[in-house]
């Protein structure tokens, strides 16, 4: 897969996820019954729903800024993953399997988007060199 295809898939996924979670966050903040009633039925407290809505909108803003805040985007992807996971299991426990289809679609979309994110911005993890990292206990 070439770079152009990876970018197209990433941005398509990022826009799709941003529209989905942006709308969800907006509905949570404005107490829209489409989202609010289901979330309350799942047992989440009202103050949590507001906080979740704000976090989703902030995450969408970070996700849509190109080539910036890459480490923060990792946190956004993680937050979305946890949100989808909790939504899936909450719906499964309270409402049954049929209402979990949206969580399965969202999980698939965020997974593909994250894979493309990692193709475009590979993580480089290296082991810290203890001598260069300032391990002064050996020098004293």
C-alpha atoms as a PDB file:
ATOM      1  CA  UNK A   1       0.000   0.000   0.000  1.00  0.00           C
ATOM      2  CA  UNK A   2       1.447   3.334  -1.011  1.00  0.00           C
ATOM      3  CA  UNK A   3       1.577   6.531   1.062  1.00  0.00           C
ATOM      4  CA  UNK A   4      -1.280   8.222  -0.811  1.00  0.00           C
ATOM      5  CA  UNK A   5      -3.626   5.288  -0.162  1.00  0.00           C
ATOM      6  CA  UNK A   6      -2.643   5.184   3.509  1.00  0.00           C
ATOM      7  CA  UNK A   7      -3.332   8.923   3.857  1.00  0.00           C
ATOM      8  CA  UNK A   8      -6.687   8.600   2.115  1.00  0.00           C
ATOM      9  CA  UNK A   9      -7.772   5.725   4.349  1.00  0.00           C
ATOM     10  CA  UNK A  10      -6.509   7.526   7.470  1.00  0.00           C
ATOM     11  CA  UNK A  11      -8.261  10.814   6.711  1.00  0.00           C
ATOM     12  CA  UNK A  12     -11.467   9.072   5.640  1.00  0.00           C
ATOM     13  CA  UNK A  13     -11.482   7.182   8.938  1.00  0.00           C
ATOM     14  CA  UNK A  14     -10.520  10.247  10.965  1.00  0.00           C
ATOM     15  CA  UNK A  15     -13.342  12.271   9.420  1.00  0.00           C
ATOM     16  CA  UNK A  16     -15.856   9.438   9.887  1.00  0.00           C
ATOM     17  CA  UNK A  17     -14.858   8.933  13.532  1.00  0.00           C
ATOM     18  CA  UNK A  18     -14.830  12.705  14.119  1.00  0.00           C
ATOM     19  CA  UNK A  19     -18.338  13.089  12.734  1.00  0.00           C
ATOM     20  CA  UNK A  20     -19.570  10.136  14.794  1.00  0.00           C
ATOM     21  CA  UNK A  21     -17.925  11.122  18.082  1.00  0.00           C
ATOM     22  CA  UNK A  22     -18.422  14.839  17.487  1.00  0.00           C
ATOM     23  CA  UNK A  23     -22.155  14.312  17.089  1.00  0.00           C
ATOM     24  CA  UNK A  24     -22.223  12.004  20.101  1.00  0.00           C
ATOM     25  CA  UNK A  25     -20.305  14.531  22.218  1.00  0.00           C
ATOM     26  CA  UNK A  26     -22.592  17.350  21.108  1.00  0.00           C
ATOM     27  CA  UNK A  27     -25.684  15.263  21.912  1.00  0.00           C
ATOM     28  CA  UNK A  28     -24.275  14.433  25.344  1.00  0.00           C
ATOM     29  CA  UNK A  29     -23.572  18.070  26.168  1.00  0.00           C
ATOM     30  CA  UNK A  30     -26.967  19.268  24.907  1.00  0.00           C
ATOM     31  CA  UNK A  31     -28.803  16.424  26.680  1.00  0.00           C
ATOM     32  CA  UNK A  32     -30.313  15.197  23.411  1.00  0.00           C
ATOM     33  CA  UNK A  33     -32.626  12.250  24.150  1.00  0.00           C
ATOM     34  CA  UNK A  34     -31.190  10.170  21.284  1.00  0.00           C
ATOM     35  CA  UNK A  35     -27.959   9.647  23.229  1.00  0.00           C
ATOM     36  CA  UNK A  36     -28.839  10.822  26.732  1.00  0.00           C
ATOM     37  CA  UNK A  37     -31.678   8.377  27.419  1.00  0.00           C
ATOM     38  CA  UNK A  38     -29.705   5.346  26.273  1.00  0.00           C
ATOM     39  CA  UNK A  39     -26.655   6.356  28.314  1.00  0.00           C
ATOM     40  CA  UNK A  40     -28.753   6.889  31.449  1.00  0.00           C
ATOM     41  CA  UNK A  41     -30.484   3.543  30.837  1.00  0.00           C
ATOM     42  CA  UNK A  42     -27.036   1.915  30.751  1.00  0.00           C
ATOM     43  CA  UNK A  43     -26.491   3.200  34.295  1.00  0.00           C
ATOM     44  CA  UNK A  44     -24.031   6.042  33.751  1.00  0.00           C
ATOM     45  CA  UNK A  45     -24.432   9.073  36.053  1.00  0.00           C
ATOM     46  CA  UNK A  46     -25.466  12.387  34.493  1.00  0.00           C
ATOM     47  CA  UNK A  47     -22.289  14.251  35.426  1.00  0.00           C
ATOM     48  CA  UNK A  48     -20.246  11.567  33.659  1.00  0.00           C
ATOM     49  CA  UNK A  49     -22.227  12.031  30.441  1.00  0.00           C
ATOM     50  CA  UNK A  50     -21.345  15.741  30.330  1.00  0.00           C
ATOM     51  CA  UNK A  51     -17.658  15.038  30.968  1.00  0.00           C
ATOM     52  CA  UNK A  52     -17.672  12.374  28.261  1.00  0.00           C
ATOM     53  CA  UNK A  53     -19.247  14.816  25.809  1.00  0.00           C
ATOM     54  CA  UNK A  54     -16.576  17.463  26.440  1.00  0.00           C
ATOM     55  CA  UNK A  55     -13.788  14.866  26.150  1.00  0.00           C
ATOM     56  CA  UNK A  56     -15.182  13.633  22.828  1.00  0.00           C
ATOM     57  CA  UNK A  57     -15.314  17.142  21.365  1.00  0.00           C
ATOM     58  CA  UNK A  58     -11.760  17.916  22.507  1.00  0.00           C
ATOM     59  CA  UNK A  59     -10.575  14.581  21.085  1.00  0.00           C
ATOM     60  CA  UNK A  60     -12.212  15.312  17.738  1.00  0.00           C
ATOM     61  CA  UNK A  61     -10.434  18.681  17.600  1.00  0.00           C
ATOM     62  CA  UNK A  62      -7.055  17.006  18.219  1.00  0.00           C
ATOM     63  CA  UNK A  63      -7.767  14.235  15.724  1.00  0.00           C
ATOM     64  CA  UNK A  64      -8.537  16.687  12.913  1.00  0.00           C
ATOM     65  CA  UNK A  65      -5.384  18.810  13.265  1.00  0.00           C
ATOM     66  CA  UNK A  66      -2.974  17.469  10.617  1.00  0.00           C
ATOM     67  CA  UNK A  67       0.629  16.562  11.458  1.00  0.00           C
ATOM     68  CA  UNK A  68       0.474  17.971  15.011  1.00  0.00           C
ATOM     69  CA  UNK A  69      -0.021  16.649  18.540  1.00  0.00           C
ATOM     70  CA  UNK A  70       0.911  13.085  17.566  1.00  0.00           C
ATOM     71  CA  UNK A  71       1.361  11.877  21.144  1.00  0.00           C
ATOM     72  CA  UNK A  72      -1.923  13.465  22.148  1.00  0.00           C
ATOM     73  CA  UNK A  73      -3.573  11.688  19.208  1.00  0.00           C
ATOM     74  CA  UNK A  74      -2.410   8.410  20.771  1.00  0.00           C
ATOM     75  CA  UNK A  75      -4.409   9.356  23.860  1.00  0.00           C
ATOM     76  CA  UNK A  76      -7.420  10.247  21.691  1.00  0.00           C
ATOM     77  CA  UNK A  77      -7.285   6.866  19.968  1.00  0.00           C
ATOM     78  CA  UNK A  78      -7.019   5.176  23.372  1.00  0.00           C
ATOM     79  CA  UNK A  79      -9.945   7.178  24.742  1.00  0.00           C
ATOM     80  CA  UNK A  80     -12.113   6.311  21.760  1.00  0.00           C
ATOM     81  CA  UNK A  81     -11.140   2.665  22.072  1.00  0.00           C
ATOM     82  CA  UNK A  82     -12.141   2.614  25.756  1.00  0.00           C
ATOM     83  CA  UNK A  83     -15.375   4.490  25.041  1.00  0.00           C
ATOM     84  CA  UNK A  84     -16.321   1.943  22.376  1.00  0.00           C
ATOM     85  CA  UNK A  85     -15.340  -0.993  24.584  1.00  0.00           C
ATOM     86  CA  UNK A  86     -17.409   0.254  27.524  1.00  0.00           C
ATOM     87  CA  UNK A  87     -20.342   1.084  25.244  1.00  0.00           C
ATOM     88  CA  UNK A  88     -20.219  -2.402  23.737  1.00  0.00           C
ATOM     89  CA  UNK A  89     -20.186  -4.270  27.043  1.00  0.00           C
ATOM     90  CA  UNK A  90     -22.698  -1.934  28.707  1.00  0.00           C
ATOM     91  CA  UNK A  91     -25.144  -2.362  25.839  1.00  0.00           C
ATOM     92  CA  UNK A  92     -24.555  -6.096  25.745  1.00  0.00           C
ATOM     93  CA  UNK A  93     -25.263  -6.440  29.487  1.00  0.00           C
ATOM     94  CA  UNK A  94     -28.303  -4.155  29.614  1.00  0.00           C
ATOM     95  CA  UNK A  95     -29.863  -4.108  26.137  1.00  0.00           C
ATOM     96  CA  UNK A  96     -28.702  -7.333  24.479  1.00  0.00           C
ATOM     97  CA  UNK A  97     -26.605  -7.979  21.376  1.00  0.00           C
ATOM     98  CA  UNK A  98     -28.547  -6.116  18.649  1.00  0.00           C
ATOM     99  CA  UNK A  99     -27.809  -2.585  19.995  1.00  0.00           C
ATOM    100  CA  UNK A 100     -24.052  -3.333  20.015  1.00  0.00           C
ATOM    101  CA  UNK A 101     -23.790  -3.224  16.209  1.00  0.00           C
ATOM    102  CA  UNK A 102     -22.855   0.474  16.269  1.00  0.00           C
ATOM    103  CA  UNK A 103     -20.010  -0.250  18.685  1.00  0.00           C
ATOM    104  CA  UNK A 104     -18.725  -3.029  16.418  1.00  0.00           C
ATOM    105  CA  UNK A 105     -18.782  -0.677  13.406  1.00  0.00           C
ATOM    106  CA  UNK A 106     -17.042   2.063  15.420  1.00  0.00           C
ATOM    107  CA  UNK A 107     -14.414  -0.382  16.695  1.00  0.00           C
ATOM    108  CA  UNK A 108     -13.668  -1.533  13.147  1.00  0.00           C
ATOM    109  CA  UNK A 109     -13.423   2.056  11.892  1.00  0.00           C
ATOM    110  CA  UNK A 110     -11.153   3.230  14.719  1.00  0.00           C
ATOM    111  CA  UNK A 111      -8.930   0.148  14.384  1.00  0.00           C
ATOM    112  CA  UNK A 112      -8.376   0.692  10.654  1.00  0.00           C
ATOM    113  CA  UNK A 113      -7.823   4.417  11.212  1.00  0.00           C
ATOM    114  CA  UNK A 114      -5.281   3.732  13.959  1.00  0.00           C
ATOM    115  CA  UNK A 115      -3.399   1.209  11.799  1.00  0.00           C
ATOM    116  CA  UNK A 116      -3.140   3.839   9.055  1.00  0.00           C
ATOM    117  CA  UNK A 117      -2.060   6.441  11.640  1.00  0.00           C
ATOM    118  CA  UNK A 118       0.800   4.146  12.666  1.00  0.00           C
ATOM    119  CA  UNK A 119       1.766   3.620   9.002  1.00  0.00           C
ATOM    120  CA  UNK A 120       1.933   7.382   8.484  1.00  0.00           C
ATOM    121  CA  UNK A 121       3.570   8.129  11.847  1.00  0.00           C
ATOM    122  CA  UNK A 122       5.568   5.100  12.974  1.00  0.00           C
ATOM    123  CA  UNK A 123       6.267   4.954  16.692  1.00  0.00           C
ATOM    124  CA  UNK A 124       9.954   4.674  17.469  1.00  0.00           C
ATOM    125  CA  UNK A 125      10.534   3.300  20.914  1.00  0.00           C
ATOM    126  CA  UNK A 126      14.108   2.994  22.107  1.00  0.00           C
ATOM    127  CA  UNK A 127      15.569   1.814  25.357  1.00  0.00           C
ATOM    128  CA  UNK A 128      17.084   4.623  27.388  1.00  0.00           C
ATOM    129  CA  UNK A 129      20.859   4.475  27.781  1.00  0.00           C
ATOM    130  CA  UNK A 130      21.357   4.645  31.554  1.00  0.00           C
ATOM    131  CA  UNK A 131      24.794   6.283  31.280  1.00  0.00           C
ATOM    132  CA  UNK A 132      23.540   9.052  28.995  1.00  0.00           C
ATOM    133  CA  UNK A 133      20.244   9.393  30.869  1.00  0.00           C
ATOM    134  CA  UNK A 134      22.039  10.814  33.887  1.00  0.00           C
ATOM    135  CA  UNK A 135      22.572   7.854  36.173  1.00  0.00           C
ATOM    136  CA  UNK A 136      24.751   9.796  38.597  1.00  0.00           C
ATOM    137  CA  UNK A 137      24.765   7.129  41.311  1.00  0.00           C
ATOM    138  CA  UNK A 138      27.601   5.286  39.566  1.00  0.00           C
ATOM    139  CA  UNK A 139      29.728   8.444  39.248  1.00  0.00           C
ATOM    140  CA  UNK A 140      29.651   9.446  42.918  1.00  0.00           C
END
